[in-house]
């Protein structure tokens, strides 16, 4: 049933997580049975194929969004997300300094 679901492109990530969960739960019987090896290899191949497709799609969309941002910034001569980035950097810097103060200078064992 799992290979048939992986054939379809619906919810590939969820199905791969399900397959990993099932493999962890039923590891001992799966390792003991040589007859299931063919099915496990089939599931692995289909899951790898679907996850590669998902990874490629996300990479393509990310690249397209970066290109659109550069295009808009070039047209308007302004930077998108600049204020949010600066605010986050200052917030992270404050958090790091607070953490540095909380760290013990000398530890006694």
PDB file of N, CA and C in Angstrom:
ATOM      1  N   UNK A   1       0.814  -1.184   0.000  1.00  0.00           N
ATOM      2  CA  UNK A   1       0.000   0.000   0.000  1.00  0.00           C
ATOM      3  C   UNK A   1       0.865   1.257   0.000  1.00  0.00           C
ATOM      4  N   UNK A   2       1.946   1.250   0.748  1.00  0.00           N
ATOM      5  CA  UNK A   2       2.826   2.417   0.811  1.00  0.00           C
ATOM      6  C   UNK A   2       3.485   2.728  -0.534  1.00  0.00           C
ATOM      7  N   UNK A   3       3.970   1.720  -1.286  1.00  0.00           N
ATOM      8  CA  UNK A   3       4.516   2.042  -2.612  1.00  0.00           C
ATOM      9  C   UNK A   3       3.477   2.653  -3.546  1.00  0.00           C
ATOM     10  N   UNK A   4       2.233   2.194  -3.436  1.00  0.00           N
ATOM     11  CA  UNK A   4       1.178   2.758  -4.291  1.00  0.00           C
ATOM     12  C   UNK A   4       0.913   4.216  -3.927  1.00  0.00           C
ATOM     13  N   UNK A   5       0.956   4.533  -2.646  1.00  0.00           N
ATOM     14  CA  UNK A   5       0.762   5.928  -2.232  1.00  0.00           C
ATOM     15  C   UNK A   5       1.937   6.802  -2.656  1.00  0.00           C
ATOM     16  N   UNK A   6       3.138   6.236  -2.625  1.00  0.00           N
ATOM     17  CA  UNK A   6       4.312   7.002  -3.060  1.00  0.00           C
ATOM     18  C   UNK A   6       4.328   7.218  -4.564  1.00  0.00           C
ATOM     19  N   UNK A   7       3.624   6.388  -5.306  1.00  0.00           N
ATOM     20  CA  UNK A   7       3.514   6.588  -6.754  1.00  0.00           C
ATOM     21  C   UNK A   7       2.866   7.924  -7.057  1.00  0.00           C
ATOM     22  N   UNK A   8       1.828   8.236  -6.287  1.00  0.00           N
ATOM     23  CA  UNK A   8       1.176   9.528  -6.444  1.00  0.00           C
ATOM     24  C   UNK A   8       2.068  10.590  -5.821  1.00  0.00           C
ATOM     25  N   UNK A   9       1.971  11.800  -6.276  1.00  0.00           N
ATOM     26  CA  UNK A   9       2.834  12.865  -5.771  1.00  0.00           C
ATOM     27  C   UNK A   9       2.215  13.593  -4.584  1.00  0.00           C
ATOM     28  N   UNK A  10       1.092  13.100  -4.093  1.00  0.00           N
ATOM     29  CA  UNK A  10       0.418  13.774  -2.992  1.00  0.00           C
ATOM     30  C   UNK A  10       1.133  13.496  -1.677  1.00  0.00           C
ATOM     31  N   UNK A  11       1.410  14.519  -0.921  1.00  0.00           N
ATOM     32  CA  UNK A  11       1.934  14.407   0.440  1.00  0.00           C
ATOM     33  C   UNK A  11       3.164  13.512   0.522  1.00  0.00           C
ATOM     34  N   UNK A  12       4.134  13.757  -0.322  1.00  0.00           N
ATOM     35  CA  UNK A  12       5.327  12.905  -0.369  1.00  0.00           C
ATOM     36  C   UNK A  12       6.101  12.973   0.941  1.00  0.00           C
ATOM     37  N   UNK A  13       6.223  14.151   1.503  1.00  0.00           N
ATOM     38  CA  UNK A  13       6.978  14.292   2.748  1.00  0.00           C
ATOM     39  C   UNK A  13       6.300  13.535   3.886  1.00  0.00           C
ATOM     40  N   UNK A  14       4.994  13.663   3.985  1.00  0.00           N
ATOM     41  CA  UNK A  14       4.252  12.968   5.033  1.00  0.00           C
ATOM     42  C   UNK A  14       4.371  11.450   4.885  1.00  0.00           C
ATOM     43  N   UNK A  15       4.287  10.959   3.663  1.00  0.00           N
ATOM     44  CA  UNK A  15       4.402   9.519   3.429  1.00  0.00           C
ATOM     45  C   UNK A  15       5.800   9.008   3.759  1.00  0.00           C
ATOM     46  N   UNK A  16       6.818   9.794   3.484  1.00  0.00           N
ATOM     47  CA  UNK A  16       8.180   9.375   3.828  1.00  0.00           C
ATOM     48  C   UNK A  16       8.370   9.346   5.344  1.00  0.00           C
ATOM     49  N   UNK A  17       7.793  10.313   6.031  1.00  0.00           N
ATOM     50  CA  UNK A  17       7.861  10.298   7.492  1.00  0.00           C
ATOM     51  C   UNK A  17       7.130   9.080   8.050  1.00  0.00           C
ATOM     52  N   UNK A  18       5.999   8.753   7.444  1.00  0.00           N
ATOM     53  CA  UNK A  18       5.243   7.573   7.855  1.00  0.00           C
ATOM     54  C   UNK A  18       6.056   6.300   7.621  1.00  0.00           C
ATOM     55  N   UNK A  19       6.714   6.216   6.479  1.00  0.00           N
ATOM     56  CA  UNK A  19       7.527   5.038   6.173  1.00  0.00           C
ATOM     57  C   UNK A  19       8.666   4.897   7.182  1.00  0.00           C
ATOM     58  N   UNK A  20       9.310   6.002   7.519  1.00  0.00           N
ATOM     59  CA  UNK A  20      10.389   5.936   8.511  1.00  0.00           C
ATOM     60  C   UNK A  20       9.865   5.504   9.874  1.00  0.00           C
ATOM     61  N   UNK A  21       8.725   6.019  10.256  1.00  0.00           N
ATOM     62  CA  UNK A  21       8.132   5.625  11.536  1.00  0.00           C
ATOM     63  C   UNK A  21       7.823   4.132  11.559  1.00  0.00           C
ATOM     64  N   UNK A  22       7.208   3.657  10.493  1.00  0.00           N
ATOM     65  CA  UNK A  22       6.867   2.231  10.431  1.00  0.00           C
ATOM     66  C   UNK A  22       8.122   1.351  10.427  1.00  0.00           C
ATOM     67  N   UNK A  23       9.163   1.805   9.763  1.00  0.00           N
ATOM     68  CA  UNK A  23      10.407   1.042   9.756  1.00  0.00           C
ATOM     69  C   UNK A  23      11.030   0.982  11.147  1.00  0.00           C
ATOM     70  N   UNK A  24      10.948   2.073  11.872  1.00  0.00           N
ATOM     71  CA  UNK A  24      11.494   2.079  13.232  1.00  0.00           C
ATOM     72  C   UNK A  24      10.693   1.177  14.159  1.00  0.00           C
ATOM     73  N   UNK A  25       9.382   1.207  14.024  1.00  0.00           N
ATOM     74  CA  UNK A  25       8.524   0.417  14.912  1.00  0.00           C
ATOM     75  C   UNK A  25       8.666  -1.077  14.617  1.00  0.00           C
ATOM     76  N   UNK A  26       8.694  -1.442  13.343  1.00  0.00           N
ATOM     77  CA  UNK A  26       8.693  -2.852  12.958  1.00  0.00           C
ATOM     78  C   UNK A  26      10.063  -3.299  12.437  1.00  0.00           C
ATOM     79  N   UNK A  27      11.118  -2.786  13.005  1.00  0.00           N
ATOM     80  CA  UNK A  27      12.462  -3.064  12.511  1.00  0.00           C
ATOM     81  C   UNK A  27      12.821  -4.543  12.612  1.00  0.00           C
ATOM     82  N   UNK A  28      12.584  -5.153  13.755  1.00  0.00           N
ATOM     83  CA  UNK A  28      13.000  -6.540  13.976  1.00  0.00           C
ATOM     84  C   UNK A  28      12.355  -7.514  12.974  1.00  0.00           C
ATOM     85  N   UNK A  29      11.037  -7.491  12.782  1.00  0.00           N
ATOM     86  CA  UNK A  29      10.456  -8.419  11.801  1.00  0.00           C
ATOM     87  C   UNK A  29      10.900  -8.132  10.369  1.00  0.00           C
ATOM     88  N   UNK A  30      11.138  -6.860  10.052  1.00  0.00           N
ATOM     89  CA  UNK A  30      11.553  -6.518   8.692  1.00  0.00           C
ATOM     90  C   UNK A  30      12.962  -7.014   8.407  1.00  0.00           C
ATOM     91  N   UNK A  31      13.842  -6.901   9.395  1.00  0.00           N
ATOM     92  CA  UNK A  31      15.216  -7.360   9.209  1.00  0.00           C
ATOM     93  C   UNK A  31      15.259  -8.881   9.114  1.00  0.00           C
ATOM     94  N   UNK A  32      14.399  -9.550   9.857  1.00  0.00           N
ATOM     95  CA  UNK A  32      14.396 -11.012   9.876  1.00  0.00           C
ATOM     96  C   UNK A  32      13.845 -11.615   8.589  1.00  0.00           C
ATOM     97  N   UNK A  33      13.000 -10.910   7.886  1.00  0.00           N
ATOM     98  CA  UNK A  33      12.351 -11.456   6.706  1.00  0.00           C
ATOM     99  C   UNK A  33      13.086 -11.031   5.434  1.00  0.00           C
ATOM    100  N   UNK A  34      13.575 -11.997   4.682  1.00  0.00           N
ATOM    101  CA  UNK A  34      14.248 -11.695   3.417  1.00  0.00           C
ATOM    102  C   UNK A  34      13.238 -11.400   2.306  1.00  0.00           C
ATOM    103  N   UNK A  35      12.019 -11.877   2.452  1.00  0.00           N
ATOM    104  CA  UNK A  35      10.996 -11.680   1.431  1.00  0.00           C
ATOM    105  C   UNK A  35      10.546 -10.229   1.314  1.00  0.00           C
ATOM    106  N   UNK A  36      10.692  -9.486   2.399  1.00  0.00           N
ATOM    107  CA  UNK A  36      10.267  -8.082   2.376  1.00  0.00           C
ATOM    108  C   UNK A  36      11.342  -7.141   1.839  1.00  0.00           C
ATOM    109  N   UNK A  37      12.528  -7.677   1.583  1.00  0.00           N
ATOM    110  CA  UNK A  37      13.626  -6.836   1.111  1.00  0.00           C
ATOM    111  C   UNK A  37      13.278  -6.150  -0.210  1.00  0.00           C
ATOM    112  N   UNK A  38      12.622  -6.885  -1.108  1.00  0.00           N
ATOM    113  CA  UNK A  38      12.244  -6.319  -2.409  1.00  0.00           C
ATOM    114  C   UNK A  38      11.295  -5.137  -2.221  1.00  0.00           C
ATOM    115  N   UNK A  39      10.346  -5.274  -1.300  1.00  0.00           N
ATOM    116  CA  UNK A  39       9.389  -4.199  -1.049  1.00  0.00           C
ATOM    117  C   UNK A  39      10.069  -2.987  -0.400  1.00  0.00           C
ATOM    118  N   UNK A  40      11.006  -3.244   0.490  1.00  0.00           N
ATOM    119  CA  UNK A  40      11.722  -2.150   1.142  1.00  0.00           C
ATOM    120  C   UNK A  40      12.567  -1.367   0.144  1.00  0.00           C
ATOM    121  N   UNK A  41      13.196  -2.075  -0.772  1.00  0.00           N
ATOM    122  CA  UNK A  41      13.988  -1.402  -1.807  1.00  0.00           C
ATOM    123  C   UNK A  41      13.080  -0.580  -2.714  1.00  0.00           C
ATOM    124  N   UNK A  42      11.919  -1.105  -3.024  1.00  0.00           N
ATOM    125  CA  UNK A  42      10.950  -0.387  -3.857  1.00  0.00           C
ATOM    126  C   UNK A  42      10.473   0.883  -3.144  1.00  0.00           C
ATOM    127  N   UNK A  43      10.172   0.773  -1.853  1.00  0.00           N
ATOM    128  CA  UNK A  43       9.740   1.947  -1.073  1.00  0.00           C
ATOM    129  C   UNK A  43      10.856   2.978  -1.025  1.00  0.00           C
ATOM    130  N   UNK A  44      12.088   2.521  -0.815  1.00  0.00           N
ATOM    131  CA  UNK A  44      13.216   3.443  -0.747  1.00  0.00           C
ATOM    132  C   UNK A  44      13.411   4.189  -2.063  1.00  0.00           C
ATOM    133  N   UNK A  45      13.323   3.483  -3.176  1.00  0.00           N
ATOM    134  CA  UNK A  45      13.518   4.107  -4.484  1.00  0.00           C
ATOM    135  C   UNK A  45      12.437   5.149  -4.763  1.00  0.00           C
ATOM    136  N   UNK A  46      11.189   4.792  -4.479  1.00  0.00           N
ATOM    137  CA  UNK A  46      10.098   5.725  -4.748  1.00  0.00           C
ATOM    138  C   UNK A  46      10.145   6.931  -3.813  1.00  0.00           C
ATOM    139  N   UNK A  47      10.496   6.698  -2.550  1.00  0.00           N
ATOM    140  CA  UNK A  47      10.588   7.813  -1.598  1.00  0.00           C
ATOM    141  C   UNK A  47      11.718   8.751  -1.996  1.00  0.00           C
ATOM    142  N   UNK A  48      12.841   8.191  -2.403  1.00  0.00           N
ATOM    143  CA  UNK A  48      13.971   9.021  -2.838  1.00  0.00           C
ATOM    144  C   UNK A  48      13.593   9.851  -4.057  1.00  0.00           C
ATOM    145  N   UNK A  49      12.892   9.239  -4.983  1.00  0.00           N
ATOM    146  CA  UNK A  49      12.475   9.945  -6.192  1.00  0.00           C
ATOM    147  C   UNK A  49      11.529  11.113  -5.844  1.00  0.00           C
ATOM    148  N   UNK A  50      10.543  10.846  -4.996  1.00  0.00           N
ATOM    149  CA  UNK A  50       9.578  11.888  -4.630  1.00  0.00           C
ATOM    150  C   UNK A  50      10.235  13.012  -3.833  1.00  0.00           C
ATOM    151  N   UNK A  51      11.122  12.655  -2.914  1.00  0.00           N
ATOM    152  CA  UNK A  51      11.789  13.689  -2.114  1.00  0.00           C
ATOM    153  C   UNK A  51      12.734  14.527  -2.975  1.00  0.00           C
ATOM    154  N   UNK A  52      13.365  13.917  -3.953  1.00  0.00           N
ATOM    155  CA  UNK A  52      14.222  14.674  -4.871  1.00  0.00           C
ATOM    156  C   UNK A  52      13.383  15.661  -5.678  1.00  0.00           C
ATOM    157  N   UNK A  53      12.211  15.229  -6.125  1.00  0.00           N
ATOM    158  CA  UNK A  53      11.315  16.133  -6.843  1.00  0.00           C
ATOM    159  C   UNK A  53      10.898  17.302  -5.957  1.00  0.00           C
ATOM    160  N   UNK A  54      10.560  17.015  -4.708  1.00  0.00           N
ATOM    161  CA  UNK A  54      10.163  18.073  -3.772  1.00  0.00           C
ATOM    162  C   UNK A  54      11.322  19.039  -3.539  1.00  0.00           C
ATOM    163  N   UNK A  55      12.519  18.505  -3.334  1.00  0.00           N
ATOM    164  CA  UNK A  55      13.696  19.331  -3.090  1.00  0.00           C
ATOM    165  C   UNK A  55      13.991  20.232  -4.288  1.00  0.00           C
ATOM    166  N   UNK A  56      13.867  19.686  -5.489  1.00  0.00           N
ATOM    167  CA  UNK A  56      14.082  20.474  -6.695  1.00  0.00           C
ATOM    168  C   UNK A  56      13.052  21.583  -6.825  1.00  0.00           C
ATOM    169  N   UNK A  57      11.796  21.272  -6.512  1.00  0.00           N
ATOM    170  CA  UNK A  57      10.739  22.265  -6.613  1.00  0.00           C
ATOM    171  C   UNK A  57      10.965  23.404  -5.617  1.00  0.00           C
ATOM    172  N   UNK A  58      11.347  23.075  -4.396  1.00  0.00           N
ATOM    173  CA  UNK A  58      11.592  24.105  -3.390  1.00  0.00           C
ATOM    174  C   UNK A  58      12.777  24.969  -3.805  1.00  0.00           C
ATOM    175  N   UNK A  59      13.833  24.347  -4.320  1.00  0.00           N
ATOM    176  CA  UNK A  59      14.990  25.101  -4.778  1.00  0.00           C
ATOM    177  C   UNK A  59      14.648  26.023  -5.932  1.00  0.00           C
ATOM    178  N   UNK A  60      13.854  25.541  -6.856  1.00  0.00           N
ATOM    179  CA  UNK A  60      13.436  26.353  -8.001  1.00  0.00           C
ATOM    180  C   UNK A  60      12.603  27.545  -7.535  1.00  0.00           C
ATOM    181  N   UNK A  61      11.658  27.298  -6.622  1.00  0.00           N
ATOM    182  CA  UNK A  61      10.812  28.380  -6.124  1.00  0.00           C
ATOM    183  C   UNK A  61      11.619  29.396  -5.326  1.00  0.00           C
ATOM    184  N   UNK A  62      12.570  28.917  -4.534  1.00  0.00           N
ATOM    185  CA  UNK A  62      13.416  29.824  -3.766  1.00  0.00           C
ATOM    186  C   UNK A  62      14.235  30.708  -4.692  1.00  0.00           C
ATOM    187  N   UNK A  63      14.789  30.117  -5.725  1.00  0.00           N
ATOM    188  CA  UNK A  63      15.567  30.889  -6.683  1.00  0.00           C
ATOM    189  C   UNK A  63      14.687  31.929  -7.399  1.00  0.00           C
ATOM    190  N   UNK A  64      13.476  31.539  -7.741  1.00  0.00           N
ATOM    191  CA  UNK A  64      12.559  32.477  -8.400  1.00  0.00           C
ATOM    192  C   UNK A  64      12.210  33.641  -7.472  1.00  0.00           C
ATOM    193  N   UNK A  65      11.982  33.367  -6.194  1.00  0.00           N
ATOM    194  CA  UNK A  65      11.687  34.441  -5.244  1.00  0.00           C
ATOM    195  C   UNK A  65      12.878  35.380  -5.074  1.00  0.00           C
ATOM    196  N   UNK A  66      14.090  34.836  -5.030  1.00  0.00           N
ATOM    197  CA  UNK A  66      15.278  35.677  -4.927  1.00  0.00           C
ATOM    198  C   UNK A  66      15.433  36.540  -6.170  1.00  0.00           C
ATOM    199  N   UNK A  67      15.155  35.975  -7.323  1.00  0.00           N
ATOM    200  CA  UNK A  67      15.249  36.743  -8.559  1.00  0.00           C
ATOM    201  C   UNK A  67      14.221  37.871  -8.567  1.00  0.00           C
ATOM    202  N   UNK A  68      12.985  37.564  -8.124  1.00  0.00           N
ATOM    203  CA  UNK A  68      11.945  38.593  -8.073  1.00  0.00           C
ATOM    204  C   UNK A  68      12.331  39.708  -7.107  1.00  0.00           C
ATOM    205  N   UNK A  69      12.904  39.353  -5.953  1.00  0.00           N
ATOM    206  CA  UNK A  69      13.320  40.365  -4.985  1.00  0.00           C
ATOM    207  C   UNK A  69      14.396  41.266  -5.580  1.00  0.00           C
ATOM    208  N   UNK A  70      15.392  40.660  -6.248  1.00  0.00           N
ATOM    209  CA  UNK A  70      16.445  41.469  -6.869  1.00  0.00           C
ATOM    210  C   UNK A  70      15.868  42.378  -7.945  1.00  0.00           C
ATOM    211  N   UNK A  71      14.914  41.869  -8.704  1.00  0.00           N
ATOM    212  CA  UNK A  71      14.289  42.652  -9.760  1.00  0.00           C
ATOM    213  C   UNK A  71      13.526  43.843  -9.179  1.00  0.00           C
ATOM    214  N   UNK A  72      12.771  43.616  -8.112  1.00  0.00           N
ATOM    215  CA  UNK A  72      12.003  44.691  -7.479  1.00  0.00           C
ATOM    216  C   UNK A  72      12.938  45.710  -6.842  1.00  0.00           C
ATOM    217  N   UNK A  73      13.990  45.234  -6.181  1.00  0.00           N
ATOM    218  CA  UNK A  73      14.944  46.152  -5.561  1.00  0.00           C
ATOM    219  C   UNK A  73      15.644  47.003  -6.614  1.00  0.00           C
ATOM    220  N   UNK A  74      15.966  46.413  -7.753  1.00  0.00           N
ATOM    221  CA  UNK A  74      16.622  47.171  -8.818  1.00  0.00           C
ATOM    222  C   UNK A  74      15.670  48.208  -9.412  1.00  0.00           C
ATOM    223  N   UNK A  75      14.398  47.853  -9.523  1.00  0.00           N
ATOM    224  CA  UNK A  75      13.430  48.778 -10.114  1.00  0.00           C
ATOM    225  C   UNK A  75      13.109  49.939  -9.176  1.00  0.00           C
ATOM    226  N   UNK A  76      13.017  49.667  -7.885  1.00  0.00           N
ATOM    227  CA  UNK A  76      12.621  50.697  -6.927  1.00  0.00           C
ATOM    228  C   UNK A  76      13.795  51.302  -6.178  1.00  0.00           C
ATOM    229  N   UNK A  77      14.989  50.794  -6.413  1.00  0.00           N
ATOM    230  CA  UNK A  77      16.185  51.260  -5.704  1.00  0.00           C
ATOM    231  C   UNK A  77      16.000  51.231  -4.190  1.00  0.00           C
ATOM    232  N   UNK A  78      15.441  50.176  -3.699  1.00  0.00           N
ATOM    233  CA  UNK A  78      15.288  50.000  -2.258  1.00  0.00           C
ATOM    234  C   UNK A  78      15.476  48.528  -1.935  1.00  0.00           C
ATOM    235  N   UNK A  79      15.711  48.282  -0.665  1.00  0.00           N
ATOM    236  CA  UNK A  79      15.934  46.905  -0.250  1.00  0.00           C
ATOM    237  C   UNK A  79      14.721  46.407   0.514  1.00  0.00           C
ATOM    238  N   UNK A  80      14.192  45.266   0.075  1.00  0.00           N
ATOM    239  CA  UNK A  80      13.097  44.638   0.792  1.00  0.00           C
ATOM    240  C   UNK A  80      13.651  43.923   2.016  1.00  0.00           C
ATOM    241  N   UNK A  81      12.890  43.897   3.043  1.00  0.00           N
ATOM    242  CA  UNK A  81      13.223  43.181   4.271  1.00  0.00           C
ATOM    243  C   UNK A  81      14.455  43.741   4.973  1.00  0.00           C
ATOM    244  N   UNK A  82      14.941  44.899   4.578  1.00  0.00           N
ATOM    245  CA  UNK A  82      16.147  45.452   5.191  1.00  0.00           C
ATOM    246  C   UNK A  82      15.898  45.782   6.657  1.00  0.00           C
ATOM    247  N   UNK A  83      14.766  46.436   6.952  1.00  0.00           N
ATOM    248  CA  UNK A  83      14.478  46.811   8.335  1.00  0.00           C
ATOM    249  C   UNK A  83      14.312  45.585   9.227  1.00  0.00           C
ATOM    250  N   UNK A  84      13.640  44.582   8.736  1.00  0.00           N
ATOM    251  CA  UNK A  84      13.438  43.366   9.530  1.00  0.00           C
ATOM    252  C   UNK A  84      14.764  42.662   9.779  1.00  0.00           C
ATOM    253  N   UNK A  85      15.638  42.661   8.796  1.00  0.00           N
ATOM    254  CA  UNK A  85      16.940  42.010   8.955  1.00  0.00           C
ATOM    255  C   UNK A  85      17.791  42.740   9.981  1.00  0.00           C
ATOM    256  N   UNK A  86      17.795  44.057   9.918  1.00  0.00           N
ATOM    257  CA  UNK A  86      18.571  44.847  10.879  1.00  0.00           C
ATOM    258  C   UNK A  86      18.025  44.654  12.287  1.00  0.00           C
ATOM    259  N   UNK A  87      16.704  44.658  12.428  1.00  0.00           N
ATOM    260  CA  UNK A  87      16.095  44.462  13.749  1.00  0.00           C
ATOM    261  C   UNK A  87      16.438  43.086  14.310  1.00  0.00           C
ATOM    262  N   UNK A  88      16.415  42.078  13.472  1.00  0.00           N
ATOM    263  CA  UNK A  88      16.742  40.730  13.950  1.00  0.00           C
ATOM    264  C   UNK A  88      18.198  40.633  14.359  1.00  0.00           C
ATOM    265  N   UNK A  89      19.099  41.253  13.609  1.00  0.00           N
ATOM    266  CA  UNK A  89      20.523  41.206  13.970  1.00  0.00           C
ATOM    267  C   UNK A  89      20.769  41.870  15.318  1.00  0.00           C
ATOM    268  N   UNK A  90      20.135  43.012  15.552  1.00  0.00           N
ATOM    269  CA  UNK A  90      20.327  43.675  16.848  1.00  0.00           C
ATOM    270  C   UNK A  90      19.725  42.842  17.977  1.00  0.00           C
ATOM    271  N   UNK A  91      18.583  42.231  17.738  1.00  0.00           N
ATOM    272  CA  UNK A  91      17.957  41.381  18.753  1.00  0.00           C
ATOM    273  C   UNK A  91      18.833  40.168  19.058  1.00  0.00           C
ATOM    274  N   UNK A  92      19.413  39.562  18.021  1.00  0.00           N
ATOM    275  CA  UNK A  92      20.301  38.422  18.226  1.00  0.00           C
ATOM    276  C   UNK A  92      21.567  38.830  18.960  1.00  0.00           C
ATOM    277  N   UNK A  93      22.079  40.009  18.647  1.00  0.00           N
ATOM    278  CA  UNK A  93      23.289  40.491  19.316  1.00  0.00           C
ATOM    279  C   UNK A  93      23.024  40.717  20.799  1.00  0.00           C
ATOM    280  N   UNK A  94      21.865  41.305  21.122  1.00  0.00           N
ATOM    281  CA  UNK A  94      21.506  41.493  22.531  1.00  0.00           C
ATOM    282  C   UNK A  94      21.367  40.154  23.250  1.00  0.00           C
ATOM    283  N   UNK A  95      20.774  39.187  22.601  1.00  0.00           N
ATOM    284  CA  UNK A  95      20.599  37.866  23.214  1.00  0.00           C
ATOM    285  C   UNK A  95      21.949  37.199  23.459  1.00  0.00           C
ATOM    286  N   UNK A  96      22.876  37.343  22.515  1.00  0.00           N
ATOM    287  CA  UNK A  96      24.210  36.756  22.701  1.00  0.00           C
ATOM    288  C   UNK A  96      24.946  37.412  23.852  1.00  0.00           C
ATOM    289  N   UNK A  97      24.829  38.716  23.986  1.00  0.00           N
ATOM    290  CA  UNK A  97      25.506  39.391  25.097  1.00  0.00           C
ATOM    291  C   UNK A  97      24.887  38.980  26.429  1.00  0.00           C
ATOM    292  N   UNK A  98      23.560  38.818  26.470  1.00  0.00           N
ATOM    293  CA  UNK A  98      22.915  38.346  27.702  1.00  0.00           C
ATOM    294  C   UNK A  98      23.380  36.942  28.052  1.00  0.00           C
ATOM    295  N   UNK A  99      23.510  36.083  27.055  1.00  0.00           N
ATOM    296  CA  UNK A  99      23.984  34.726  27.293  1.00  0.00           C
ATOM    297  C   UNK A  99      25.421  34.739  27.781  1.00  0.00           C
ATOM    298  N   UNK A 100      26.245  35.635  27.237  1.00  0.00           N
ATOM    299  CA  UNK A 100      27.641  35.710  27.653  1.00  0.00           C
ATOM    300  C   UNK A 100      27.739  36.118  29.119  1.00  0.00           C
ATOM    301  N   UNK A 101      26.858  36.988  29.577  1.00  0.00           N
ATOM    302  CA  UNK A 101      26.861  37.421  30.972  1.00  0.00           C
ATOM    303  C   UNK A 101      26.442  36.270  31.876  1.00  0.00           C
ATOM    304  N   UNK A 102      25.532  35.434  31.433  1.00  0.00           N
ATOM    305  CA  UNK A 102      25.025  34.338  32.245  1.00  0.00           C
ATOM    306  C   UNK A 102      26.010  33.176  32.362  1.00  0.00           C
ATOM    307  N   UNK A 103      26.948  33.070  31.447  1.00  0.00           N
ATOM    308  CA  UNK A 103      27.903  31.958  31.480  1.00  0.00           C
ATOM    309  C   UNK A 103      28.825  32.083  32.688  1.00  0.00           C
ATOM    310  N   UNK A 104      29.126  30.981  33.325  1.00  0.00           N
ATOM    311  CA  UNK A 104      30.056  31.047  34.466  1.00  0.00           C
ATOM    312  C   UNK A 104      31.481  31.302  33.976  1.00  0.00           C
ATOM    313  N   UNK A 105      32.177  32.095  34.727  1.00  0.00           N
ATOM    314  CA  UNK A 105      33.562  32.406  34.354  1.00  0.00           C
ATOM    315  C   UNK A 105      34.467  31.221  34.695  1.00  0.00           C
ATOM    316  N   UNK A 106      34.296  30.683  35.905  1.00  0.00           N
ATOM    317  CA  UNK A 106      35.119  29.562  36.343  1.00  0.00           C
ATOM    318  C   UNK A 106      34.187  28.470  36.826  1.00  0.00           C
ATOM    319  N   UNK A 107      34.449  27.270  36.407  1.00  0.00           N
ATOM    320  CA  UNK A 107      33.654  26.145  36.904  1.00  0.00           C
ATOM    321  C   UNK A 107      34.524  25.320  37.841  1.00  0.00           C
ATOM    322  N   UNK A 108      33.983  24.975  38.978  1.00  0.00           N
ATOM    323  CA  UNK A 108      34.702  24.188  39.979  1.00  0.00           C
ATOM    324  C   UNK A 108      34.129  22.780  39.953  1.00  0.00           C
ATOM    325  N   UNK A 109      34.995  21.821  39.807  1.00  0.00           N
ATOM    326  CA  UNK A 109      34.516  20.434  39.805  1.00  0.00           C
ATOM    327  C   UNK A 109      35.090  19.663  40.960  1.00  0.00           C
TER     328      UNK A 109
END
